[in-house]
């Protein structure tokens, strides 16, 4: 079973949900980090869903600041997704670090 540590990124996330990560077939993932940066001049809030369930909802991020959205580790299985949405257009950059085992 090979293990691969990978980062997935998305820039300019806005009010439409963005799928940051989908677990590949025959793979189990361990999310080890999830950061979101507010790139706008105003405070925004961010929602993160994992497998259709909120990990965080309405988490505030001050202007030109960042927030760690995961405390600890989270296991995700084949076809599950990580989806990020911001309260403002093109206002959030996100990076997800995941250990994939296949």
Protein backbone atom coordinates (compact mmCIF):
# COMPACT_ATOMS: atom_id res chain seq x y z
CA UNK A 1 0.00 0.00 0.00
CA UNK A 2 1.87 3.14 -1.16
CA UNK A 3 1.50 6.34 0.86
CA UNK A 4 1.64 9.72 -0.87
CA UNK A 5 1.51 13.10 0.87
CA UNK A 6 -0.06 15.68 -1.45
CA UNK A 7 -1.34 19.27 -1.37
CA UNK A 8 -4.46 20.39 -3.19
CA UNK A 9 -5.07 24.10 -3.71
CA UNK A 10 -7.71 26.44 -5.04
CA UNK A 11 -7.51 30.20 -5.44
CA UNK A 12 -10.25 32.84 -5.59
CA UNK A 13 -12.98 30.74 -4.00
CA UNK A 14 -16.25 32.64 -3.86
CA UNK A 15 -19.93 32.13 -3.17
CA UNK A 16 -20.24 29.04 -5.38
CA UNK A 17 -19.08 25.80 -3.73
CA UNK A 18 -15.65 24.62 -4.93
CA UNK A 19 -14.65 20.97 -4.68
CA UNK A 20 -11.13 21.19 -3.33
CA UNK A 21 -10.60 17.43 -3.20
CA UNK A 22 -12.27 14.18 -4.21
CA UNK A 23 -10.79 10.96 -2.83
CA UNK A 24 -9.63 8.84 -5.79
CA UNK A 25 -10.90 5.31 -6.41
CA UNK A 26 -9.36 2.56 -4.26
CA UNK A 27 -7.87 5.19 -1.94
CA UNK A 28 -8.25 6.24 1.67
CA UNK A 29 -7.12 9.73 2.59
CA UNK A 30 -6.04 11.22 5.88
CA UNK A 31 -6.45 14.99 5.87
CA UNK A 32 -3.61 16.43 7.94
CA UNK A 33 -4.17 20.14 7.29
CA UNK A 34 -6.65 22.61 5.84
CA UNK A 35 -5.90 26.33 5.66
CA UNK A 36 -7.97 29.16 4.20
CA UNK A 37 -6.66 32.66 3.52
CA UNK A 38 -8.89 35.70 3.08
CA UNK A 39 -7.42 37.64 0.17
CA UNK A 40 -9.96 40.46 0.35
CA UNK A 41 -9.99 43.75 2.26
CA UNK A 42 -13.11 42.78 4.26
CA UNK A 43 -13.95 39.99 6.70
CA UNK A 44 -15.49 36.90 5.12
CA UNK A 45 -16.89 33.66 6.47
CA UNK A 46 -16.10 30.24 5.11
CA UNK A 47 -17.96 26.92 5.03
CA UNK A 48 -16.24 23.55 4.62
CA UNK A 49 -18.13 20.34 3.99
CA UNK A 50 -16.60 16.87 4.08
CA UNK A 51 -18.70 14.09 2.55
CA UNK A 52 -21.71 16.41 2.62
CA UNK A 53 -21.40 17.22 6.34
CA UNK A 54 -20.21 20.59 7.66
CA UNK A 55 -16.73 20.58 9.16
CA UNK A 56 -17.09 24.33 9.76
CA UNK A 57 -19.96 26.67 8.91
CA UNK A 58 -19.66 30.43 8.88
CA UNK A 59 -16.13 30.52 10.28
CA UNK A 60 -15.02 34.17 10.22
CA UNK A 61 -11.71 35.12 8.64
CA UNK A 62 -10.58 38.74 9.13
CA UNK A 63 -9.40 40.75 6.13
CA UNK A 64 -5.98 39.71 4.81
CA UNK A 65 -5.71 36.90 7.35
CA UNK A 66 -5.81 33.10 7.46
CA UNK A 67 -7.46 30.36 9.47
CA UNK A 68 -6.59 26.72 10.14
CA UNK A 69 -9.85 24.86 9.57
CA UNK A 70 -8.88 21.44 10.89
CA UNK A 71 -7.78 20.52 14.38
CA UNK A 72 -6.21 17.07 14.22
CA UNK A 73 -6.64 14.58 11.39
CA UNK A 74 -9.66 13.42 9.42
CA UNK A 75 -10.08 10.17 7.44
CA UNK A 76 -11.92 10.32 4.11
CA UNK A 77 -12.82 7.41 1.85
CA UNK A 78 -13.21 6.80 -1.88
CA UNK A 79 -15.43 9.37 -3.68
CA UNK A 80 -15.87 11.59 -0.60
CA UNK A 81 -15.29 15.28 -1.24
CA UNK A 82 -14.01 18.40 0.52
CA UNK A 83 -16.01 21.46 -0.57
CA UNK A 84 -15.20 25.08 0.34
CA UNK A 85 -17.48 28.13 0.00
CA UNK A 86 -16.88 31.76 0.92
CA UNK A 87 -19.39 34.47 1.79
CA UNK A 88 -17.86 36.84 -0.79
CA UNK A 89 -16.83 36.53 -4.42
CA UNK A 90 -13.21 35.58 -5.22
CA UNK A 91 -12.11 36.09 -1.63
CA UNK A 92 -10.51 32.88 -0.31
CA UNK A 93 -7.52 30.74 -1.22
CA UNK A 94 -7.42 27.25 0.31
CA UNK A 95 -4.80 24.54 0.68
CA UNK A 96 -5.47 20.98 1.80
CA UNK A 97 -2.74 18.51 2.79
CA UNK A 98 -3.68 14.85 2.60
CA UNK A 99 -1.91 11.52 3.01
CA UNK A 100 -3.32 9.14 0.41
CA UNK A 101 -3.11 5.37 0.84
CA UNK A 102 -3.97 3.12 -2.08
